[in-house]
PDB file of N, CA and C in Angstrom:
ATOM      1  N   MET A   1       0.840  -1.185   0.000  1.00  0.00           N
ATOM      2  CA  MET A   1       0.000   0.000   0.000  1.00  0.00           C
ATOM      3  C   MET A   1       0.880   1.242   0.000  1.00  0.00           C
ATOM      4  N   ILE A   2       0.491   2.212  -0.785  1.00  0.00           N
ATOM      5  CA  ILE A   2       1.197   3.491  -0.848  1.00  0.00           C
ATOM      6  C   ILE A   2       0.690   4.399   0.266  1.00  0.00           C
ATOM      7  N   ASN A   3       1.596   5.039   0.976  1.00  0.00           N
ATOM      8  CA  ASN A   3       1.203   6.065   1.937  1.00  0.00           C
ATOM      9  C   ASN A   3       0.939   7.337   1.141  1.00  0.00           C
ATOM     10  N   ALA A   4      -0.336   7.729   1.049  1.00  0.00           N
ATOM     11  CA  ALA A   4      -0.728   8.866   0.221  1.00  0.00           C
ATOM     12  C   ALA A   4      -0.491  10.210   0.907  1.00  0.00           C
ATOM     13  N   THR A   5      -0.069  10.201   2.152  1.00  0.00           N
ATOM     14  CA  THR A   5       0.133  11.449   2.876  1.00  0.00           C
ATOM     15  C   THR A   5       1.121  12.356   2.142  1.00  0.00           C
ATOM     16  N   GLY A   6       0.701  13.557   1.833  1.00  0.00           N
ATOM     17  CA  GLY A   6       1.572  14.541   1.206  1.00  0.00           C
ATOM     18  C   GLY A   6       1.706  14.427  -0.299  1.00  0.00           C
ATOM     19  N   LEU A   7       1.008  13.484  -0.913  1.00  0.00           N
ATOM     20  CA  LEU A   7       1.109  13.344  -2.361  1.00  0.00           C
ATOM     21  C   LEU A   7       0.113  14.253  -3.066  1.00  0.00           C
ATOM     22  N   GLN A   8       0.478  14.662  -4.266  1.00  0.00           N
ATOM     23  CA  GLN A   8      -0.404  15.451  -5.119  1.00  0.00           C
ATOM     24  C   GLN A   8      -0.501  14.770  -6.471  1.00  0.00           C
ATOM     25  N   THR A   9      -1.732  14.560  -6.933  1.00  0.00           N
ATOM     26  CA  THR A   9      -1.960  13.950  -8.235  1.00  0.00           C
ATOM     27  C   THR A   9      -2.457  15.001  -9.203  1.00  0.00           C
ATOM     28  N   ASN A  10      -1.923  14.962 -10.416  1.00  0.00           N
ATOM     29  CA  ASN A  10      -2.314  15.891 -11.475  1.00  0.00           C
ATOM     30  C   ASN A  10      -2.765  15.072 -12.676  1.00  0.00           C
ATOM     31  N   ALA A  11      -3.917  15.435 -13.227  1.00  0.00           N
ATOM     32  CA  ALA A  11      -4.449  14.774 -14.422  1.00  0.00           C
ATOM     33  C   ALA A  11      -4.697  15.831 -15.477  1.00  0.00           C
ATOM     34  N   ILE A  12      -4.166  15.587 -16.662  1.00  0.00           N
ATOM     35  CA  ILE A  12      -4.298  16.527 -17.769  1.00  0.00           C
ATOM     36  C   ILE A  12      -4.783  15.755 -18.979  1.00  0.00           C
ATOM     37  N   VAL A  13      -5.794  16.281 -19.649  1.00  0.00           N
ATOM     38  CA  VAL A  13      -6.219  15.724 -20.931  1.00  0.00           C
ATOM     39  C   VAL A  13      -5.867  16.760 -21.979  1.00  0.00           C
ATOM     40  N   VAL A  14      -4.967  16.367 -22.877  1.00  0.00           N
ATOM     41  CA  VAL A  14      -4.490  17.275 -23.917  1.00  0.00           C
ATOM     42  C   VAL A  14      -4.924  16.723 -25.274  1.00  0.00           C
ATOM     43  N   SER A  15      -5.429  17.600 -26.117  1.00  0.00           N
ATOM     44  CA  SER A  15      -5.841  17.240 -27.472  1.00  0.00           C
ATOM     45  C   SER A  15      -4.778  17.706 -28.455  1.00  0.00           C
ATOM     46  N   ILE A  16      -4.383  16.799 -29.337  1.00  0.00           N
ATOM     47  CA  ILE A  16      -3.364  17.078 -30.352  1.00  0.00           C
ATOM     48  C   ILE A  16      -3.993  16.809 -31.714  1.00  0.00           C
ATOM     49  N   ARG A  17      -3.706  17.679 -32.678  1.00  0.00           N
ATOM     50  CA  ARG A  17      -4.206  17.418 -34.034  1.00  0.00           C
ATOM     51  C   ARG A  17      -3.711  16.036 -34.479  1.00  0.00           C
ATOM     52  N   SER A  18      -4.617  15.218 -35.013  1.00  0.00           N
ATOM     53  CA  SER A  18      -4.280  13.834 -35.367  1.00  0.00           C
ATOM     54  C   SER A  18      -3.050  13.734 -36.242  1.00  0.00           C
ATOM     55  N   GLU A  19      -2.918  14.647 -37.202  1.00  0.00           N
ATOM     56  CA  GLU A  19      -1.766  14.568 -38.111  1.00  0.00           C
ATOM     57  C   GLU A  19      -0.445  14.900 -37.417  1.00  0.00           C
ATOM     58  N   GLN A  20      -0.506  15.399 -36.180  1.00  0.00           N
ATOM     59  CA  GLN A  20       0.710  15.724 -35.439  1.00  0.00           C
ATOM     60  C   GLN A  20       0.934  14.793 -34.247  1.00  0.00           C
ATOM     61  N   ALA A  21       0.123  13.741 -34.141  1.00  0.00           N
ATOM     62  CA  ALA A  21       0.212  12.850 -32.981  1.00  0.00           C
ATOM     63  C   ALA A  21       1.594  12.201 -32.860  1.00  0.00           C
ATOM     64  N   ALA A  22       2.119  11.663 -33.937  1.00  0.00           N
ATOM     65  CA  ALA A  22       3.437  11.018 -33.883  1.00  0.00           C
ATOM     66  C   ALA A  22       4.520  12.031 -33.517  1.00  0.00           C
ATOM     67  N   GLU A  23       4.411  13.224 -34.061  1.00  0.00           N
ATOM     68  CA  GLU A  23       5.374  14.285 -33.742  1.00  0.00           C
ATOM     69  C   GLU A  23       5.293  14.649 -32.255  1.00  0.00           C
ATOM     70  N   PHE A  24       4.072  14.753 -31.712  1.00  0.00           N
ATOM     71  CA  PHE A  24       3.898  15.061 -30.295  1.00  0.00           C
ATOM     72  C   PHE A  24       4.516  13.971 -29.426  1.00  0.00           C
ATOM     73  N   GLU A  25       4.245  12.706 -29.769  1.00  0.00           N
ATOM     74  CA  GLU A  25       4.775  11.606 -28.977  1.00  0.00           C
ATOM     75  C   GLU A  25       6.301  11.595 -28.986  1.00  0.00           C
ATOM     76  N   ALA A  26       6.888  11.865 -30.136  1.00  0.00           N
ATOM     77  CA  ALA A  26       8.348  11.926 -30.228  1.00  0.00           C
ATOM     78  C   ALA A  26       8.902  13.102 -29.422  1.00  0.00           C
ATOM     79  N   LEU A  27       8.246  14.250 -29.521  1.00  0.00           N
ATOM     80  CA  LEU A  27       8.657  15.426 -28.751  1.00  0.00           C
ATOM     81  C   LEU A  27       8.566  15.141 -27.258  1.00  0.00           C
ATOM     82  N   PHE A  28       7.472  14.532 -26.838  1.00  0.00           N
ATOM     83  CA  PHE A  28       7.275  14.205 -25.427  1.00  0.00           C
ATOM     84  C   PHE A  28       8.385  13.273 -24.938  1.00  0.00           C
ATOM     85  N   ALA A  29       8.667  12.235 -25.725  1.00  0.00           N
ATOM     86  CA  ALA A  29       9.719  11.279 -25.346  1.00  0.00           C
ATOM     87  C   ALA A  29      11.087  11.950 -25.248  1.00  0.00           C
ATOM     88  N   ALA A  30      11.363  12.859 -26.167  1.00  0.00           N
ATOM     89  CA  ALA A  30      12.672  13.510 -26.205  1.00  0.00           C
ATOM     90  C   ALA A  30      12.840  14.583 -25.135  1.00  0.00           C
ATOM     91  N   GLU A  31      11.755  15.304 -24.806  1.00  0.00           N
ATOM     92  CA  GLU A  31      11.908  16.480 -23.954  1.00  0.00           C
ATOM     93  C   GLU A  31      11.264  16.373 -22.578  1.00  0.00           C
ATOM     94  N   GLU A  32      10.158  15.659 -22.438  1.00  0.00           N
ATOM     95  CA  GLU A  32       9.495  15.565 -21.133  1.00  0.00           C
ATOM     96  C   GLU A  32       9.956  14.331 -20.356  1.00  0.00           C
ATOM     97  N   LEU A  33      10.131  13.213 -21.026  1.00  0.00           N
ATOM     98  CA  LEU A  33      10.544  12.002 -20.308  1.00  0.00           C
ATOM     99  C   LEU A  33      11.855  12.163 -19.545  1.00  0.00           C
ATOM    100  N   PRO A  34      12.868  12.858 -20.083  1.00  0.00           N
ATOM    101  CA  PRO A  34      14.087  13.051 -19.283  1.00  0.00           C
ATOM    102  C   PRO A  34      13.827  13.826 -17.979  1.00  0.00           C
ATOM    103  N   ILE A  35      12.878  14.744 -18.007  1.00  0.00           N
ATOM    104  CA  ILE A  35      12.521  15.473 -16.778  1.00  0.00           C
ATOM    105  C   ILE A  35      11.878  14.504 -15.796  1.00  0.00           C
ATOM    106  N   TRP A  36      10.941  13.704 -16.285  1.00  0.00           N
ATOM    107  CA  TRP A  36      10.306  12.698 -15.420  1.00  0.00           C
ATOM    108  C   TRP A  36      11.349  11.763 -14.824  1.00  0.00           C
ATOM    109  N   ASP A  37      12.290  11.301 -15.652  1.00  0.00           N
ATOM    110  CA  ASP A  37      13.322  10.388 -15.164  1.00  0.00           C
ATOM    111  C   ASP A  37      14.128  11.022 -14.033  1.00  0.00           C
ATOM    112  N   GLU A  38      14.522  12.267 -14.234  1.00  0.00           N
ATOM    113  CA  GLU A  38      15.302  12.971 -13.211  1.00  0.00           C
ATOM    114  C   GLU A  38      14.496  13.167 -11.930  1.00  0.00           C
ATOM    115  N   PHE A  39      13.249  13.625 -12.078  1.00  0.00           N
ATOM    116  CA  PHE A  39      12.413  13.879 -10.906  1.00  0.00           C
ATOM    117  C   PHE A  39      12.070  12.574 -10.173  1.00  0.00           C
ATOM    118  N   HIS A  40      11.913  11.482 -10.911  1.00  0.00           N
ATOM    119  CA  HIS A  40      11.656  10.194 -10.269  1.00  0.00           C
ATOM    120  C   HIS A  40      12.909   9.726  -9.525  1.00  0.00           C
ATOM    121  N   ALA A  41      14.063   9.873 -10.144  1.00  0.00           N
ATOM    122  CA  ALA A  41      15.320   9.441  -9.524  1.00  0.00           C
ATOM    123  C   ALA A  41      15.603  10.196  -8.233  1.00  0.00           C
ATOM    124  N   ASN A  42      15.232  11.483  -8.183  1.00  0.00           N
ATOM    125  CA  ASN A  42      15.509  12.245  -6.959  1.00  0.00           C
ATOM    126  C   ASN A  42      14.359  12.211  -5.960  1.00  0.00           C
ATOM    127  N   GLY A  43      13.290  11.444  -6.267  1.00  0.00           N
ATOM    128  CA  GLY A  43      12.195  11.254  -5.320  1.00  0.00           C
ATOM    129  C   GLY A  43      11.088  12.288  -5.383  1.00  0.00           C
ATOM    130  N   THR A  44      11.198  13.254  -6.282  1.00  0.00           N
ATOM    131  CA  THR A  44      10.169  14.294  -6.407  1.00  0.00           C
ATOM    132  C   THR A  44       8.904  13.750  -7.055  1.00  0.00           C
ATOM    133  N   LEU A  45       9.072  12.872  -8.041  1.00  0.00           N
ATOM    134  CA  LEU A  45       7.961  12.310  -8.810  1.00  0.00           C
ATOM    135  C   LEU A  45       7.773  10.852  -8.405  1.00  0.00           C
ATOM    136  N   ILE A  46       6.578  10.520  -7.959  1.00  0.00           N
ATOM    137  CA  ILE A  46       6.274   9.147  -7.557  1.00  0.00           C
ATOM    138  C   ILE A  46       6.008   8.288  -8.786  1.00  0.00           C
ATOM    139  N   SER A  47       5.121   8.769  -9.658  1.00  0.00           N
ATOM    140  CA  SER A  47       4.802   8.051 -10.890  1.00  0.00           C
ATOM    141  C   SER A  47       4.238   9.033 -11.901  1.00  0.00           C
ATOM    142  N   ALA A  48       4.312   8.645 -13.173  1.00  0.00           N
ATOM    143  CA  ALA A  48       3.771   9.487 -14.239  1.00  0.00           C
ATOM    144  C   ALA A  48       3.534   8.621 -15.466  1.00  0.00           C
ATOM    145  N   SER A  49       2.559   9.027 -16.262  1.00  0.00           N
ATOM    146  CA  SER A  49       2.297   8.296 -17.496  1.00  0.00           C
ATOM    147  C   SER A  49       1.700   9.221 -18.546  1.00  0.00           C
ATOM    148  N   LEU A  50       1.966   8.862 -19.793  1.00  0.00           N
ATOM    149  CA  LEU A  50       1.332   9.476 -20.960  1.00  0.00           C
ATOM    150  C   LEU A  50       0.544   8.358 -21.622  1.00  0.00           C
ATOM    151  N   THR A  51      -0.763   8.552 -21.759  1.00  0.00           N
ATOM    152  CA  THR A  51      -1.639   7.524 -22.320  1.00  0.00           C
ATOM    153  C   THR A  51      -2.331   8.053 -23.557  1.00  0.00           C
ATOM    154  N   ARG A  52      -2.211   7.320 -24.661  1.00  0.00           N
ATOM    155  CA  ARG A  52      -2.943   7.666 -25.886  1.00  0.00           C
ATOM    156  C   ARG A  52      -4.380   7.182 -25.706  1.00  0.00           C
ATOM    157  N   VAL A  53      -5.330   8.101 -25.739  1.00  0.00           N
ATOM    158  CA  VAL A  53      -6.737   7.757 -25.538  1.00  0.00           C
ATOM    159  C   VAL A  53      -7.256   7.001 -26.755  1.00  0.00           C
ATOM    160  N   GLU A  54      -7.877   5.863 -26.500  1.00  0.00           N
ATOM    161  CA  GLU A  54      -8.432   5.036 -27.572  1.00  0.00           C
ATOM    162  C   GLU A  54      -9.952   5.040 -27.574  1.00  0.00           C
ATOM    163  N   TYR A  55     -10.564   5.481 -26.491  1.00  0.00           N
ATOM    164  CA  TYR A  55     -12.019   5.602 -26.414  1.00  0.00           C
ATOM    165  C   TYR A  55     -12.359   6.589 -25.301  1.00  0.00           C
ATOM    166  N   GLY A  56     -13.556   7.143 -25.362  1.00  0.00           N
ATOM    167  CA  GLY A  56     -13.975   8.071 -24.325  1.00  0.00           C
ATOM    168  C   GLY A  56     -15.270   8.769 -24.681  1.00  0.00           C
ATOM    169  N   SER A  57     -15.718   9.592 -23.773  1.00  0.00           N
ATOM    170  CA  SER A  57     -17.012  10.260 -23.932  1.00  0.00           C
ATOM    171  C   SER A  57     -16.915  11.594 -24.666  1.00  0.00           C
ATOM    172  N   GLN A  58     -15.706  12.055 -24.961  1.00  0.00           N
ATOM    173  CA  GLN A  58     -15.528  13.369 -25.587  1.00  0.00           C
ATOM    174  C   GLN A  58     -14.724  13.296 -26.876  1.00  0.00           C
ATOM    175  N   GLU A  59     -14.812  12.194 -27.598  1.00  0.00           N
ATOM    176  CA  GLU A  59     -14.020  12.021 -28.818  1.00  0.00           C
ATOM    177  C   GLU A  59     -14.413  13.037 -29.890  1.00  0.00           C
ATOM    178  N   LYS A  60     -13.390  13.502 -30.634  1.00  0.00           N
ATOM    179  CA  LYS A  60     -13.609  14.461 -31.721  1.00  0.00           C
ATOM    180  C   LYS A  60     -12.822  14.003 -32.945  1.00  0.00           C
ATOM    181  N   ASP A  61     -13.401  14.181 -34.116  1.00  0.00           N
ATOM    182  CA  ASP A  61     -12.699  13.857 -35.356  1.00  0.00           C
ATOM    183  C   ASP A  61     -11.495  14.778 -35.520  1.00  0.00           C
ATOM    184  N   GLY A  62     -10.402  14.226 -36.033  1.00  0.00           N
ATOM    185  CA  GLY A  62      -9.218  15.022 -36.322  1.00  0.00           C
ATOM    186  C   GLY A  62      -8.361  15.333 -35.114  1.00  0.00           C
ATOM    187  N   VAL A  63      -8.688  14.719 -33.962  1.00  0.00           N
ATOM    188  CA  VAL A  63      -7.959  15.008 -32.728  1.00  0.00           C
ATOM    189  C   VAL A  63      -7.573  13.703 -32.047  1.00  0.00           C
ATOM    190  N   GLN A  64      -6.331  13.640 -31.592  1.00  0.00           N
ATOM    191  CA  GLN A  64      -5.890  12.533 -30.743  1.00  0.00           C
ATOM    192  C   GLN A  64      -5.732  13.085 -29.331  1.00  0.00           C
ATOM    193  N   ASP A  65      -6.490  12.518 -28.398  1.00  0.00           N
ATOM    194  CA  ASP A  65      -6.392  12.935 -27.005  1.00  0.00           C
ATOM    195  C   ASP A  65      -5.372  12.080 -26.266  1.00  0.00           C
ATOM    196  N   TYR A  66      -4.761  12.688 -25.260  1.00  0.00           N
ATOM    197  CA  TYR A  66      -3.815  12.007 -24.382  1.00  0.00           C
ATOM    198  C   TYR A  66      -4.160  12.354 -22.942  1.00  0.00           C
ATOM    199  N   VAL A  67      -3.972  11.392 -22.054  1.00  0.00           N
ATOM    200  CA  VAL A  67      -4.084  11.625 -20.624  1.00  0.00           C
ATOM    201  C   VAL A  67      -2.674  11.620 -20.060  1.00  0.00           C
ATOM    202  N   ILE A  68      -2.345  12.671 -19.349  1.00  0.00           N
ATOM    203  CA  ILE A  68      -1.069  12.761 -18.646  1.00  0.00           C
ATOM    204  C   ILE A  68      -1.403  12.712 -17.164  1.00  0.00           C
ATOM    205  N   LEU A  69      -0.812  11.763 -16.465  1.00  0.00           N
ATOM    206  CA  LEU A  69      -1.049  11.596 -15.038  1.00  0.00           C
ATOM    207  C   LEU A  69       0.288  11.666 -14.325  1.00  0.00           C
ATOM    208  N   ALA A  70       0.380  12.513 -13.322  1.00  0.00           N
ATOM    209  CA  ALA A  70       1.635  12.649 -12.572  1.00  0.00           C
ATOM    210  C   ALA A  70       1.328  12.751 -11.087  1.00  0.00           C
ATOM    211  N   VAL A  71       2.061  11.981 -10.292  1.00  0.00           N
ATOM    212  CA  VAL A  71       1.914  12.002  -8.842  1.00  0.00           C
ATOM    213  C   VAL A  71       3.233  12.491  -8.251  1.00  0.00           C
ATOM    214  N   PHE A  72       3.153  13.613  -7.555  1.00  0.00           N
ATOM    215  CA  PHE A  72       4.330  14.257  -6.968  1.00  0.00           C
ATOM    216  C   PHE A  72       4.278  14.188  -5.448  1.00  0.00           C
ATOM    217  N   HIS A  73       5.460  14.350  -4.847  1.00  0.00           N
ATOM    218  CA  HIS A  73       5.530  14.571  -3.402  1.00  0.00           C
ATOM    219  C   HIS A  73       5.130  16.018  -3.145  1.00  0.00           C
ATOM    220  N   GLY A  74       3.841  16.288  -3.051  1.00  0.00           N
ATOM    221  CA  GLY A  74       3.319  17.593  -2.699  1.00  0.00           C
ATOM    222  C   GLY A  74       3.395  18.627  -3.811  1.00  0.00           C
ATOM    223  N   MET A  75       2.857  19.782  -3.504  1.00  0.00           N
ATOM    224  CA  MET A  75       2.811  20.891  -4.450  1.00  0.00           C
ATOM    225  C   MET A  75       4.208  21.376  -4.812  1.00  0.00           C
ATOM    226  N   SER A  76       5.163  21.219  -3.906  1.00  0.00           N
ATOM    227  CA  SER A  76       6.524  21.688  -4.204  1.00  0.00           C
ATOM    228  C   SER A  76       7.114  20.913  -5.380  1.00  0.00           C
ATOM    229  N   GLY A  77       6.812  19.619  -5.485  1.00  0.00           N
ATOM    230  CA  GLY A  77       7.281  18.833  -6.623  1.00  0.00           C
ATOM    231  C   GLY A  77       6.643  19.280  -7.914  1.00  0.00           C
ATOM    232  N   HIS A  78       5.343  19.535  -7.864  1.00  0.00           N
ATOM    233  CA  HIS A  78       4.612  20.030  -9.032  1.00  0.00           C
ATOM    234  C   HIS A  78       5.191  21.375  -9.463  1.00  0.00           C
ATOM    235  N   SER A  79       5.403  22.258  -8.509  1.00  0.00           N
ATOM    236  CA  SER A  79       5.954  23.588  -8.818  1.00  0.00           C
ATOM    237  C   SER A  79       7.355  23.485  -9.409  1.00  0.00           C
ATOM    238  N   ALA A  80       8.163  22.573  -8.858  1.00  0.00           N
ATOM    239  CA  ALA A  80       9.522  22.392  -9.388  1.00  0.00           C
ATOM    240  C   ALA A  80       9.463  21.964 -10.849  1.00  0.00           C
ATOM    241  N   HIS A  81       8.536  21.070 -11.176  1.00  0.00           N
ATOM    242  CA  HIS A  81       8.376  20.647 -12.572  1.00  0.00           C
ATOM    243  C   HIS A  81       7.960  21.815 -13.442  1.00  0.00           C
ATOM    244  N   ASP A  82       6.941  22.546 -13.001  1.00  0.00           N
ATOM    245  CA  ASP A  82       6.395  23.627 -13.823  1.00  0.00           C
ATOM    246  C   ASP A  82       7.355  24.796 -13.997  1.00  0.00           C
ATOM    247  N   HIS A  83       8.347  24.915 -13.116  1.00  0.00           N
ATOM    248  CA  HIS A  83       9.341  25.979 -13.239  1.00  0.00           C
ATOM    249  C   HIS A  83      10.637  25.507 -13.893  1.00  0.00           C
ATOM    250  N   ASP A  84      10.695  24.236 -14.262  1.00  0.00           N
ATOM    251  CA  ASP A  84      11.889  23.682 -14.893  1.00  0.00           C
ATOM    252  C   ASP A  84      12.068  24.302 -16.282  1.00  0.00           C
ATOM    253  N   ASP A  85      13.259  24.798 -16.586  1.00  0.00           N
ATOM    254  CA  ASP A  85      13.521  25.440 -17.876  1.00  0.00           C
ATOM    255  C   ASP A  85      13.255  24.507 -19.059  1.00  0.00           C
ATOM    256  N   ARG A  86      13.549  23.227 -18.883  1.00  0.00           N
ATOM    257  CA  ARG A  86      13.318  22.274 -19.976  1.00  0.00           C
ATOM    258  C   ARG A  86      11.824  22.117 -20.250  1.00  0.00           C
ATOM    259  N   PHE A  87      11.017  22.065 -19.204  1.00  0.00           N
ATOM    260  CA  PHE A  87       9.566  21.972 -19.385  1.00  0.00           C
ATOM    261  C   PHE A  87       9.044  23.230 -20.079  1.00  0.00           C
ATOM    262  N   ASN A  88       9.556  24.373 -19.679  1.00  0.00           N
ATOM    263  CA  ASN A  88       9.093  25.629 -20.275  1.00  0.00           C
ATOM    264  C   ASN A  88       9.569  25.811 -21.714  1.00  0.00           C
ATOM    265  N   ALA A  89      10.591  25.079 -22.124  1.00  0.00           N
ATOM    266  CA  ALA A  89      10.989  25.053 -23.537  1.00  0.00           C
ATOM    267  C   ALA A  89      10.100  24.090 -24.327  1.00  0.00           C
ATOM    268  N   PHE A  90       9.680  22.995 -23.700  1.00  0.00           N
ATOM    269  CA  PHE A  90       8.810  21.996 -24.324  1.00  0.00           C
ATOM    270  C   PHE A  90       7.384  22.539 -24.523  1.00  0.00           C
ATOM    271  N   LEU A  91       6.871  23.243 -23.537  1.00  0.00           N
ATOM    272  CA  LEU A  91       5.458  23.634 -23.502  1.00  0.00           C
ATOM    273  C   LEU A  91       4.978  24.401 -24.735  1.00  0.00           C
ATOM    274  N   PRO A  92       5.665  25.431 -25.221  1.00  0.00           N
ATOM    275  CA  PRO A  92       5.157  26.134 -26.402  1.00  0.00           C
ATOM    276  C   PRO A  92       5.128  25.259 -27.654  1.00  0.00           C
ATOM    277  N   LYS A  93       6.060  24.317 -27.752  1.00  0.00           N
ATOM    278  CA  LYS A  93       6.061  23.407 -28.898  1.00  0.00           C
ATOM    279  C   LYS A  93       4.827  22.505 -28.849  1.00  0.00           C
ATOM    280  N   ALA A  94       4.522  21.994 -27.664  1.00  0.00           N
ATOM    281  CA  ALA A  94       3.336  21.141 -27.509  1.00  0.00           C
ATOM    282  C   ALA A  94       2.055  21.939 -27.709  1.00  0.00           C
ATOM    283  N   ARG A  95       2.008  23.139 -27.170  1.00  0.00           N
ATOM    284  CA  ARG A  95       0.795  23.969 -27.314  1.00  0.00           C
ATOM    285  C   ARG A  95       0.496  24.290 -28.776  1.00  0.00           C
ATOM    286  N   ALA A  96       1.528  24.407 -29.602  1.00  0.00           N
ATOM    287  CA  ALA A  96       1.326  24.714 -31.027  1.00  0.00           C
ATOM    288  C   ALA A  96       0.610  23.582 -31.749  1.00  0.00           C
ATOM    289  N   MET A  97       0.600  22.388 -31.179  1.00  0.00           N
ATOM    290  CA  MET A  97      -0.067  21.231 -31.790  1.00  0.00           C
ATOM    291  C   MET A  97      -1.490  21.034 -31.280  1.00  0.00           C
ATOM    292  N   GLN A  98      -1.917  21.880 -30.342  1.00  0.00           N
ATOM    293  CA  GLN A  98      -3.209  21.712 -29.688  1.00  0.00           C
ATOM    294  C   GLN A  98      -4.262  22.633 -30.300  1.00  0.00           C
ATOM    295  N   PRO A  99      -5.368  22.058 -30.777  1.00  0.00           N
ATOM    296  CA  PRO A  99      -6.437  22.897 -31.316  1.00  0.00           C
ATOM    297  C   PRO A  99      -7.291  23.553 -30.226  1.00  0.00           C
ATOM    298  N   SER A 100      -7.124  23.110 -28.977  1.00  0.00           N
ATOM    299  CA  SER A 100      -7.890  23.669 -27.865  1.00  0.00           C
ATOM    300  C   SER A 100      -7.069  23.546 -26.581  1.00  0.00           C
ATOM    301  N   ARG A 101      -7.504  24.273 -25.583  1.00  0.00           N
ATOM    302  CA  ARG A 101      -6.810  24.239 -24.296  1.00  0.00           C
ATOM    303  C   ARG A 101      -6.977  22.873 -23.640  1.00  0.00           C
ATOM    304  N   PRO A 102      -5.982  22.422 -22.888  1.00  0.00           N
ATOM    305  CA  PRO A 102      -6.114  21.143 -22.190  1.00  0.00           C
ATOM    306  C   PRO A 102      -7.041  21.260 -20.978  1.00  0.00           C
ATOM    307  N   TYR A 103      -7.545  20.136 -20.543  1.00  0.00           N
ATOM    308  CA  TYR A 103      -8.251  20.054 -19.258  1.00  0.00           C
ATOM    309  C   TYR A 103      -7.202  19.701 -18.224  1.00  0.00           C
ATOM    310  N   VAL A 104      -7.155  20.444 -17.121  1.00  0.00           N
ATOM    311  CA  VAL A 104      -6.137  20.242 -16.101  1.00  0.00           C
ATOM    312  C   VAL A 104      -6.798  20.183 -14.735  1.00  0.00           C
ATOM    313  N   TRP A 105      -6.473  19.122 -13.983  1.00  0.00           N
ATOM    314  CA  TRP A 105      -6.962  18.983 -12.615  1.00  0.00           C
ATOM    315  C   TRP A 105      -5.810  18.540 -11.732  1.00  0.00           C
ATOM    316  N   GLY A 106      -5.842  18.944 -10.479  1.00  0.00           N
ATOM    317  CA  GLY A 106      -4.839  18.497  -9.526  1.00  0.00           C
ATOM    318  C   GLY A 106      -5.366  18.616  -8.117  1.00  0.00           C
ATOM    319  N   GLY A 107      -4.823  17.800  -7.232  1.00  0.00           N
ATOM    320  CA  GLY A 107      -5.262  17.881  -5.848  1.00  0.00           C
ATOM    321  C   GLY A 107      -4.503  16.916  -4.961  1.00  0.00           C
ATOM    322  N   THR A 108      -4.854  16.956  -3.697  1.00  0.00           N
ATOM    323  CA  THR A 108      -4.242  16.115  -2.693  1.00  0.00           C
ATOM    324  C   THR A 108      -4.716  14.674  -2.866  1.00  0.00           C
ATOM    325  N   THR A 109      -3.787  13.755  -2.967  1.00  0.00           N
ATOM    326  CA  THR A 109      -4.102  12.344  -3.090  1.00  0.00           C
ATOM    327  C   THR A 109      -4.585  11.836  -1.743  1.00  0.00           C
ATOM    328  N   ILE A 110      -5.731  11.140  -1.740  1.00  0.00           N
ATOM    329  CA  ILE A 110      -6.253  10.646  -0.466  1.00  0.00           C
ATOM    330  C   ILE A 110      -6.165   9.119  -0.337  1.00  0.00           C
ATOM    331  N   GLN A 111      -6.113   8.402  -1.449  1.00  0.00           N
ATOM    332  CA  GLN A 111      -5.924   6.944  -1.457  1.00  0.00           C
ATOM    333  C   GLN A 111      -5.069   6.592  -2.671  1.00  0.00           C
ATOM    334  N   ALA A 112      -4.233   5.573  -2.531  1.00  0.00           N
ATOM    335  CA  ALA A 112      -3.387   5.164  -3.666  1.00  0.00           C
ATOM    336  C   ALA A 112      -3.057   3.681  -3.542  1.00  0.00           C
ATOM    337  N   ARG A 113      -3.019   3.010  -4.646  1.00  0.00           N
ATOM    338  CA  ARG A 113      -2.596   1.616  -4.757  1.00  0.00           C
ATOM    339  C   ARG A 113      -1.915   1.452  -6.102  1.00  0.00           C
ATOM    340  N   PRO A 114      -1.109   0.529  -6.366  1.00  0.00           N
ATOM    341  CA  PRO A 114      -0.377  -0.375  -5.471  1.00  0.00           C
ATOM    342  C   PRO A 114       0.960   0.245  -5.078  1.00  0.00           C
ATOM    343  N   ASP A 115       1.811  -0.560  -4.440  1.00  0.00           N
ATOM    344  CA  ASP A 115       3.149  -0.074  -4.087  1.00  0.00           C
ATOM    345  C   ASP A 115       3.959   0.235  -5.335  1.00  0.00           C
ATOM    346  N   ALA A 116       3.819  -0.582  -6.348  1.00  0.00           N
ATOM    347  CA  ALA A 116       4.585  -0.394  -7.572  1.00  0.00           C
ATOM    348  C   ALA A 116       3.728  -0.818  -8.756  1.00  0.00           C
ATOM    349  N   LEU A 117       3.965  -0.207  -9.895  1.00  0.00           N
ATOM    350  CA  LEU A 117       3.255  -0.596 -11.108  1.00  0.00           C
ATOM    351  C   LEU A 117       3.830  -1.913 -11.608  1.00  0.00           C
ATOM    352  N   PRO A 118       2.978  -2.771 -12.171  1.00  0.00           N
ATOM    353  CA  PRO A 118       3.501  -4.029 -12.719  1.00  0.00           C
ATOM    354  C   PRO A 118       4.494  -3.772 -13.846  1.00  0.00           C
ATOM    355  N   GLN A 119       5.488  -4.610 -13.954  1.00  0.00           N
ATOM    356  CA  GLN A 119       6.491  -4.498 -15.007  1.00  0.00           C
ATOM    357  C   GLN A 119       6.049  -5.319 -16.211  1.00  0.00           C
ATOM    358  N   GLY A 120       6.409  -4.834 -17.403  1.00  0.00           N
ATOM    359  CA  GLY A 120       6.139  -5.636 -18.594  1.00  0.00           C
ATOM    360  C   GLY A 120       5.213  -5.086 -19.546  1.00  0.00           C
TER     361      GLY A 120
END
């Protein structure tokens, strides 16, 4: 069981023009994943994922949606990410591929499972 005390979870749904989906995924892998790796290694980031949406209640033609989920050790971890120069260099490139603003939610984690994500 994960001790959820002090954790903050952030969920973002970002829409990318379908013709730019592969470009977005490559950009994300090249520029955001190294930040996640560093923040995870130093204990700031508990877990994070980028998920290509394959079904949902808000599907639109010509758009590929993604869910970004990140769990940090508190708001300070989230703030450290959002103030990172590399993230701020990535953000305008990603925003240029978005036909609309993302949906963004965050808050204090109250329950969490499991201890670790399955491998494989």
